[in-house]
C-alpha atoms as a PDB file:
ATOM      1  CA  MET A   1      41.666  -3.428  34.641  1.00  0.00           C
ATOM      2  CA  THR A   2      43.358  -0.517  32.896  1.00  0.00           C
ATOM      3  CA  GLY A   3      42.377   3.099  33.182  1.00  0.00           C
ATOM      4  CA  THR A   4      41.113   3.143  29.639  1.00  0.00           C
ATOM      5  CA  GLU A   5      38.623   0.281  29.963  1.00  0.00           C
ATOM      6  CA  PRO A   6      35.768   2.214  31.637  1.00  0.00           C
ATOM      7  CA  ALA A   7      35.914   4.902  28.963  1.00  0.00           C
ATOM      8  CA  ALA A   8      35.817   2.286  26.209  1.00  0.00           C
ATOM      9  CA  ARG A   9      32.810   0.642  27.758  1.00  0.00           C
ATOM     10  CA  SER A  10      31.101   3.967  28.217  1.00  0.00           C
ATOM     11  CA  GLY A  11      31.695   4.842  24.575  1.00  0.00           C
ATOM     12  CA  SER A  12      30.117   1.589  23.439  1.00  0.00           C
ATOM     13  CA  ARG A  13      26.840   2.208  25.202  1.00  0.00           C
ATOM     14  CA  ARG A  14      23.789   2.855  23.078  1.00  0.00           C
ATOM     15  CA  GLY A  15      21.255   5.582  23.561  1.00  0.00           C
ATOM     16  CA  PRO A  16      17.618   4.698  24.202  1.00  0.00           C
ATOM     17  CA  GLY A  17      15.946   3.143  21.191  1.00  0.00           C
ATOM     18  CA  ARG A  18      19.102   2.921  19.160  1.00  0.00           C
ATOM     19  CA  PRO A  19      19.498  -0.479  17.461  1.00  0.00           C
ATOM     20  CA  ALA A  20      22.565  -2.548  18.155  1.00  0.00           C
ATOM     21  CA  GLY A  21      24.566  -4.759  15.873  1.00  0.00           C
ATOM     22  CA  SER A  22      25.595  -4.663  12.256  1.00  0.00           C
ATOM     23  CA  ARG A  23      23.581  -3.395   9.348  1.00  0.00           C
ATOM     24  CA  SER A  24      22.599  -6.963   8.539  1.00  0.00           C
ATOM     25  CA  GLY A  25      21.289  -7.274  12.091  1.00  0.00           C
ATOM     26  CA  ASP A  26      19.340  -4.040  11.677  1.00  0.00           C
ATOM     27  CA  THR A  27      17.855  -5.343   8.436  1.00  0.00           C
ATOM     28  CA  ALA A  28      16.764  -8.573  10.102  1.00  0.00           C
ATOM     29  CA  THR A  29      15.217  -6.670  13.016  1.00  0.00           C
ATOM     30  CA  ARG A  30      13.364  -4.322  10.676  1.00  0.00           C
ATOM     31  CA  ALA A  31      12.034  -7.271   8.674  1.00  0.00           C
ATOM     32  CA  ARG A  32      10.879  -8.998  11.866  1.00  0.00           C
ATOM     33  CA  ILE A  33       9.012  -5.869  12.967  1.00  0.00           C
ATOM     34  CA  LEU A  34       7.365  -5.564   9.550  1.00  0.00           C
ATOM     35  CA  GLU A  35       6.271  -9.195   9.601  1.00  0.00           C
ATOM     36  CA  ALA A  36       4.781  -8.802  13.079  1.00  0.00           C
ATOM     37  CA  ALA A  37       3.001  -5.610  12.020  1.00  0.00           C
ATOM     38  CA  ARG A  38       1.544  -7.264   8.915  1.00  0.00           C
ATOM     39  CA  GLU A  39       0.193 -10.113  11.006  1.00  0.00           C
ATOM     40  CA  LEU A  40      -1.370  -7.834  13.627  1.00  0.00           C
ATOM     41  CA  PHE A  41      -2.843  -5.373  11.142  1.00  0.00           C
ATOM     42  CA  ALA A  42      -4.334  -8.312   9.236  1.00  0.00           C
ATOM     43  CA  THR A  43      -5.902  -9.952  12.295  1.00  0.00           C
ATOM     44  CA  ARG A  44      -6.868  -6.832  14.266  1.00  0.00           C
ATOM     45  CA  THR A  45      -8.191  -3.458  13.233  1.00  0.00           C
ATOM     46  CA  TYR A  46      -5.824  -0.570  12.629  1.00  0.00           C
ATOM     47  CA  GLY A  47      -7.103   1.172  15.748  1.00  0.00           C
ATOM     48  CA  ALA A  48      -6.637  -1.917  17.934  1.00  0.00           C
ATOM     49  CA  THR A  49      -3.021  -2.457  16.890  1.00  0.00           C
ATOM     50  CA  THR A  50      -0.485  -0.573  18.991  1.00  0.00           C
ATOM     51  CA  ILE A  51       3.243  -0.004  18.674  1.00  0.00           C
ATOM     52  CA  ARG A  52       3.697  -1.913  21.939  1.00  0.00           C
ATOM     53  CA  ALA A  53       1.770  -4.896  20.574  1.00  0.00           C
ATOM     54  CA  VAL A  54       3.898  -4.943  17.427  1.00  0.00           C
ATOM     55  CA  ALA A  55       7.069  -4.694  19.513  1.00  0.00           C
ATOM     56  CA  ALA A  56       5.948  -7.564  21.740  1.00  0.00           C
ATOM     57  CA  ALA A  57       5.128  -9.751  18.733  1.00  0.00           C
ATOM     58  CA  ALA A  58       8.524  -8.972  17.196  1.00  0.00           C
ATOM     59  CA  ASP A  59      10.293  -9.417  20.560  1.00  0.00           C
ATOM     60  CA  VAL A  60      11.893  -5.969  20.460  1.00  0.00           C
ATOM     61  CA  ASN A  61      11.722  -2.788  22.505  1.00  0.00           C
ATOM     62  CA  PRO A  62       8.960  -0.378  21.365  1.00  0.00           C
ATOM     63  CA  ALA A  63      11.655   2.264  20.906  1.00  0.00           C
ATOM     64  CA  LEU A  64      13.092   0.167  18.077  1.00  0.00           C
ATOM     65  CA  VAL A  65       9.768   0.231  16.239  1.00  0.00           C
ATOM     66  CA  HIS A  66       9.753   4.025  16.465  1.00  0.00           C
ATOM     67  CA  HIS A  67      13.407   4.132  15.419  1.00  0.00           C
ATOM     68  CA  PHE A  68      12.830   2.176  12.213  1.00  0.00           C
ATOM     69  CA  PHE A  69       9.330   3.360  11.269  1.00  0.00           C
ATOM     70  CA  GLY A  70       8.350   6.452  13.244  1.00  0.00           C
ATOM     71  CA  THR A  71       4.614   6.565  13.935  1.00  0.00           C
ATOM     72  CA  LYS A  72       2.009   3.809  13.710  1.00  0.00           C
ATOM     73  CA  ARG A  73       0.702   5.420  10.528  1.00  0.00           C
ATOM     74  CA  ASP A  74       4.185   5.218   8.984  1.00  0.00           C
ATOM     75  CA  LEU A  75       4.490   1.592  10.068  1.00  0.00           C
ATOM     76  CA  PHE A  76       1.108   0.735   8.554  1.00  0.00           C
ATOM     77  CA  ALA A  77       2.047   2.430   5.283  1.00  0.00           C
ATOM     78  CA  ALA A  78       5.324   0.475   5.221  1.00  0.00           C
ATOM     79  CA  THR A  79       3.438  -2.825   5.421  1.00  0.00           C
ATOM     80  CA  VAL A  80       1.662  -2.068   2.142  1.00  0.00           C
ATOM     81  CA  GLN A  81       4.560  -0.760   0.108  1.00  0.00           C
ATOM     82  CA  LEU A  82       4.173  -1.565  -3.553  1.00  0.00           C
ATOM     83  CA  PRO A  83       5.819  -4.775  -4.744  1.00  0.00           C
ATOM     84  CA  GLU A  84       9.082  -4.279  -6.621  1.00  0.00           C
ATOM     85  CA  GLU A  85       7.420  -5.631  -9.769  1.00  0.00           C
ATOM     86  CA  LEU A  86       4.852  -2.834  -9.730  1.00  0.00           C
ATOM     87  CA  THR A  87       7.350  -0.153  -8.718  1.00  0.00           C
ATOM     88  CA  ALA A  88       9.647  -1.151 -11.572  1.00  0.00           C
ATOM     89  CA  GLN A  89       6.821  -0.990 -14.110  1.00  0.00           C
ATOM     90  CA  LEU A  90       5.269   2.315 -13.024  1.00  0.00           C
ATOM     91  CA  PRO A  91       7.530   4.530 -15.195  1.00  0.00           C
ATOM     92  CA  GLU A  92       6.685   2.431 -18.256  1.00  0.00           C
ATOM     93  CA  LEU A  93       2.984   2.499 -17.403  1.00  0.00           C
ATOM     94  CA  VAL A  94       3.081   6.270 -17.006  1.00  0.00           C
ATOM     95  CA  SER A  95       4.812   6.554 -20.369  1.00  0.00           C
ATOM     96  CA  GLY A  96       2.148   4.308 -21.900  1.00  0.00           C
ATOM     97  CA  ALA A  97      -0.610   6.495 -20.464  1.00  0.00           C
ATOM     98  CA  ALA A  98       1.048   9.550 -21.990  1.00  0.00           C
ATOM     99  CA  ASP A  99       1.072   7.787 -25.369  1.00  0.00           C
ATOM    100  CA  SER A 100      -2.532   6.565 -24.951  1.00  0.00           C
ATOM    101  CA  ALA A 101      -1.362   2.935 -24.929  1.00  0.00           C
ATOM    102  CA  ASP A 102      -4.346   0.594 -25.019  1.00  0.00           C
ATOM    103  CA  ASP A 103      -2.912  -1.933 -22.550  1.00  0.00           C
ATOM    104  CA  VAL A 104      -2.421   0.330 -19.504  1.00  0.00           C
ATOM    105  CA  GLY A 105      -5.723  -0.756 -17.962  1.00  0.00           C
ATOM    106  CA  ARG A 106      -4.929  -4.434 -18.452  1.00  0.00           C
ATOM    107  CA  ARG A 107      -1.494  -4.152 -16.870  1.00  0.00           C
ATOM    108  CA  ILE A 108      -2.737  -2.086 -13.924  1.00  0.00           C
ATOM    109  CA  VAL A 109      -5.554  -4.531 -13.147  1.00  0.00           C
ATOM    110  CA  ARG A 110      -3.268  -7.559 -13.363  1.00  0.00           C
ATOM    111  CA  LEU A 111      -0.671  -5.992 -11.076  1.00  0.00           C
ATOM    112  CA  TYR A 112      -3.352  -4.819  -8.653  1.00  0.00           C
ATOM    113  CA  LEU A 113      -4.902  -8.284  -8.422  1.00  0.00           C
ATOM    114  CA  THR A 114      -1.436  -9.767  -7.956  1.00  0.00           C
ATOM    115  CA  MET A 115      -0.838  -7.409  -5.019  1.00  0.00           C
ATOM    116  CA  TRP A 116      -3.930  -8.825  -3.338  1.00  0.00           C
ATOM    117  CA  GLN A 117      -2.890 -12.387  -4.104  1.00  0.00           C
ATOM    118  CA  GLU A 118       0.519 -12.069  -2.416  1.00  0.00           C
ATOM    119  CA  PRO A 119       0.335 -12.536   1.392  1.00  0.00           C
ATOM    120  CA  ALA A 120       2.981  -9.867   2.058  1.00  0.00           C
ATOM    121  CA  THR A 121       0.795  -7.153   0.509  1.00  0.00           C
ATOM    122  CA  GLY A 122      -2.644  -8.770   0.349  1.00  0.00           C
ATOM    123  CA  HIS A 123      -3.089  -9.239   4.103  1.00  0.00           C
ATOM    124  CA  PRO A 124      -2.297  -5.602   5.002  1.00  0.00           C
ATOM    125  CA  LEU A 125      -4.467  -4.379   2.118  1.00  0.00           C
ATOM    126  CA  ALA A 126      -7.379  -6.462   3.396  1.00  0.00           C
ATOM    127  CA  ALA A 127      -6.870  -5.059   6.887  1.00  0.00           C
ATOM    128  CA  MET A 128      -6.707  -1.558   5.426  1.00  0.00           C
ATOM    129  CA  VAL A 129      -9.988  -1.937   3.531  1.00  0.00           C
ATOM    130  CA  ARG A 130     -11.789  -3.468   6.521  1.00  0.00           C
ATOM    131  CA  THR A 131     -10.516  -0.775   8.856  1.00  0.00           C
ATOM    132  CA  GLY A 132     -10.962   2.019   6.332  1.00  0.00           C
ATOM    133  CA  MET A 133     -14.725   1.572   6.441  1.00  0.00           C
ATOM    134  CA  SER A 134     -14.703   2.863  10.027  1.00  0.00           C
ATOM    135  CA  ASP A 135     -11.273   4.469  10.557  1.00  0.00           C
ATOM    136  CA  PRO A 136     -10.564   7.687   8.600  1.00  0.00           C
ATOM    137  CA  GLU A 137      -6.789   7.388   9.049  1.00  0.00           C
ATOM    138  CA  ALA A 138      -6.632   3.909   7.516  1.00  0.00           C
ATOM    139  CA  ALA A 139      -8.947   5.050   4.717  1.00  0.00           C
ATOM    140  CA  ASP A 140      -6.603   7.938   3.980  1.00  0.00           C
ATOM    141  CA  ILE A 141      -3.612   5.587   3.664  1.00  0.00           C
ATOM    142  CA  LEU A 142      -5.535   3.343   1.250  1.00  0.00           C
ATOM    143  CA  LYS A 143      -6.560   6.408  -0.748  1.00  0.00           C
ATOM    144  CA  GLN A 144      -2.940   7.527  -0.929  1.00  0.00           C
ATOM    145  CA  VAL A 145      -1.700   4.133  -2.164  1.00  0.00           C
ATOM    146  CA  LEU A 146      -4.278   3.995  -4.947  1.00  0.00           C
ATOM    147  CA  THR A 147      -4.701   7.598  -6.020  1.00  0.00           C
ATOM    148  CA  ARG A 148      -1.354   9.272  -5.429  1.00  0.00           C
ATOM    149  CA  THR A 149       1.054   6.395  -5.954  1.00  0.00           C
ATOM    150  CA  ILE A 150      -0.563   4.397  -8.771  1.00  0.00           C
ATOM    151  CA  LEU A 151      -3.487   6.081 -10.521  1.00  0.00           C
ATOM    152  CA  GLY A 152      -2.577   9.745 -10.068  1.00  0.00           C
ATOM    153  CA  PRO A 153       0.653   9.635 -12.117  1.00  0.00           C
ATOM    154  CA  LEU A 154      -1.091   7.660 -14.880  1.00  0.00           C
ATOM    155  CA  VAL A 155      -3.950  10.130 -15.215  1.00  0.00           C
ATOM    156  CA  ALA A 156      -1.591  13.099 -15.035  1.00  0.00           C
ATOM    157  CA  ALA A 157       0.560  11.615 -17.808  1.00  0.00           C
ATOM    158  CA  SER A 158      -2.463  11.007 -20.030  1.00  0.00           C
ATOM    159  CA  GLY A 159      -3.324  14.700 -19.926  1.00  0.00           C
ATOM    160  CA  ARG A 160      -7.037  13.909 -20.106  1.00  0.00           C
ATOM    161  CA  ASP A 161      -9.768  16.141 -18.746  1.00  0.00           C
ATOM    162  CA  GLN A 162     -11.462  15.639 -15.366  1.00  0.00           C
ATOM    163  CA  PRO A 163      -8.434  13.955 -13.751  1.00  0.00           C
ATOM    164  CA  GLY A 164      -9.969  13.840 -10.271  1.00  0.00           C
ATOM    165  CA  LEU A 165     -13.070  12.053 -11.521  1.00  0.00           C
ATOM    166  CA  ARG A 166     -10.990   9.597 -13.564  1.00  0.00           C
ATOM    167  CA  ILE A 167      -8.853   8.689 -10.559  1.00  0.00           C
ATOM    168  CA  THR A 168     -11.895   8.276  -8.315  1.00  0.00           C
ATOM    169  CA  LEU A 169     -13.789   6.122 -10.818  1.00  0.00           C
ATOM    170  CA  ALA A 170     -10.819   3.785 -11.286  1.00  0.00           C
ATOM    171  CA  ALA A 171     -10.059   3.610  -7.550  1.00  0.00           C
ATOM    172  CA  THR A 172     -13.700   2.884  -6.688  1.00  0.00           C
ATOM    173  CA  HIS A 173     -13.869   0.086  -9.253  1.00  0.00           C
ATOM    174  CA  LEU A 174     -10.622  -1.494  -8.057  1.00  0.00           C
ATOM    175  CA  VAL A 175     -11.511  -1.302  -4.355  1.00  0.00           C
ATOM    176  CA  GLY A 176     -14.957  -2.752  -5.063  1.00  0.00           C
ATOM    177  CA  LEU A 177     -13.376  -5.617  -6.988  1.00  0.00           C
ATOM    178  CA  ALA A 178     -11.009  -6.363  -4.109  1.00  0.00           C
ATOM    179  CA  MET A 179     -13.813  -6.202  -1.549  1.00  0.00           C
ATOM    180  CA  GLY A 180     -15.951  -8.641  -3.501  1.00  0.00           C
ATOM    181  CA  ARG A 181     -13.077 -11.051  -4.077  1.00  0.00           C
ATOM    182  CA  HIS A 182     -11.117 -10.885  -0.809  1.00  0.00           C
ATOM    183  CA  ILE A 183     -13.372  -9.354   1.875  1.00  0.00           C
ATOM    184  CA  LEU A 184     -16.879 -10.597   1.006  1.00  0.00           C
ATOM    185  CA  ALA A 185     -15.463 -13.668  -0.788  1.00  0.00           C
ATOM    186  CA  LEU A 186     -18.205 -13.730  -3.429  1.00  0.00           C
ATOM    187  CA  PRO A 187     -17.908 -17.142  -5.155  1.00  0.00           C
ATOM    188  CA  PRO A 188     -17.923 -15.971  -8.789  1.00  0.00           C
ATOM    189  CA  LEU A 189     -15.034 -13.617  -8.044  1.00  0.00           C
ATOM    190  CA  THR A 190     -13.081 -15.995  -5.815  1.00  0.00           C
ATOM    191  CA  GLU A 191     -13.353 -18.773  -8.390  1.00  0.00           C
ATOM    192  CA  ALA A 192     -12.216 -16.646 -11.331  1.00  0.00           C
ATOM    193  CA  GLY A 193      -8.516 -16.519 -12.142  1.00  0.00           C
ATOM    194  CA  ILE A 194      -6.484 -13.329 -12.353  1.00  0.00           C
ATOM    195  CA  GLU A 195      -6.285 -13.418 -16.154  1.00  0.00           C
ATOM    196  CA  HIS A 196     -10.049 -13.863 -16.511  1.00  0.00           C
ATOM    197  CA  LEU A 197     -10.818 -11.036 -14.093  1.00  0.00           C
ATOM    198  CA  THR A 198      -8.252  -8.830 -15.787  1.00  0.00           C
ATOM    199  CA  ALA A 199      -9.906  -9.379 -19.159  1.00  0.00           C
ATOM    200  CA  CYS A 200     -13.301  -8.492 -17.665  1.00  0.00           C
ATOM    201  CA  VAL A 201     -12.284  -5.388 -15.717  1.00  0.00           C
ATOM    202  CA  ALA A 202      -9.420  -3.898 -17.739  1.00  0.00           C
ATOM    203  CA  PRO A 203     -11.585  -2.258 -20.449  1.00  0.00           C
ATOM    204  CA  ALA A 204     -13.444  -0.236 -17.813  1.00  0.00           C
ATOM    205  CA  ILE A 205     -10.230   0.863 -16.078  1.00  0.00           C
ATOM    206  CA  GLN A 206      -8.704   1.732 -19.447  1.00  0.00           C
ATOM    207  CA  HIS A 207     -11.718   3.890 -20.255  1.00  0.00           C
ATOM    208  CA  TYR A 208     -11.591   5.653 -16.892  1.00  0.00           C
ATOM    209  CA  LEU A 209      -7.914   6.479 -17.395  1.00  0.00           C
ATOM    210  CA  THR A 210      -7.741   7.451 -21.060  1.00  0.00           C
ATOM    211  CA  GLY A 211     -11.184   7.281 -22.679  1.00  0.00           C
ATOM    212  CA  PRO A 212     -13.664  10.101 -23.300  1.00  0.00           C
ATOM    213  CA  LEU A 213     -15.922  11.076 -20.398  1.00  0.00           C
ATOM    214  CA  PRO A 214     -19.159  13.040 -20.641  1.00  0.00           C
ATOM    215  CA  PRO A 215     -18.529  16.712 -19.926  1.00  0.00           C
ATOM    216  CA  PRO A 216     -19.611  17.854 -16.475  1.00  0.00           C
ATOM    217  CA  PRO A 217     -22.934  19.693 -16.385  1.00  0.00           C
ATOM    218  CA  GLU A 218     -22.681  23.431 -16.391  1.00  0.00           C
ATOM    219  CA  ALA A 219     -23.234  25.079 -13.059  1.00  0.00           C
ATOM    220  CA  PRO A 220     -26.669  26.711 -12.885  1.00  0.00           C
ATOM    221  CA  ALA A 221     -26.583  30.451 -13.335  1.00  0.00           C
ATOM    222  CA  ARG A 222     -27.227  32.453 -10.203  1.00  0.00           C
END
């Protein structure tokens, strides 16, 4: 053994929670953690899922989960990131809302229903809705996905009045649709295809986003 070997070994040691291996190895580990988190959030409540449970399911140290995702809230939000298809189309949808395009509602509803249909996003969304009815933190994440990420930019681009009410009306309609179809499993909704449901719901969403709304009542004089 040479005098330089101990120093080399010491320099190769990792600090606590620091992932080892190449970037491709890091990517695989991150994906494994995400998959485990999706499964646990879908089968348990948000409150019942812990970082340690996710780490055990992914066969990694809990420190690695914190390293890649931070807090449990951040991990939960990462499991419901928007599909690339929706992310890629958002700028065009926002532009369409600004130009009062009459197909924004149709495209939003179709993409939203597709998100619920795909296991990678549908399962965490279902867990989020179930948990959100009793857990304020999960409800806040769902609200952020719908209002700030998707509907908020569309309403802002349209420049219409009462933006908060428009966002809330559209979000309420979309969440109710998802609950009936995927949580309560109401037969008429579960049997209908995405295109049929889109044709039924899109006009209402379009109206919420860009159509005229009744003016709010004037506040009573004091």
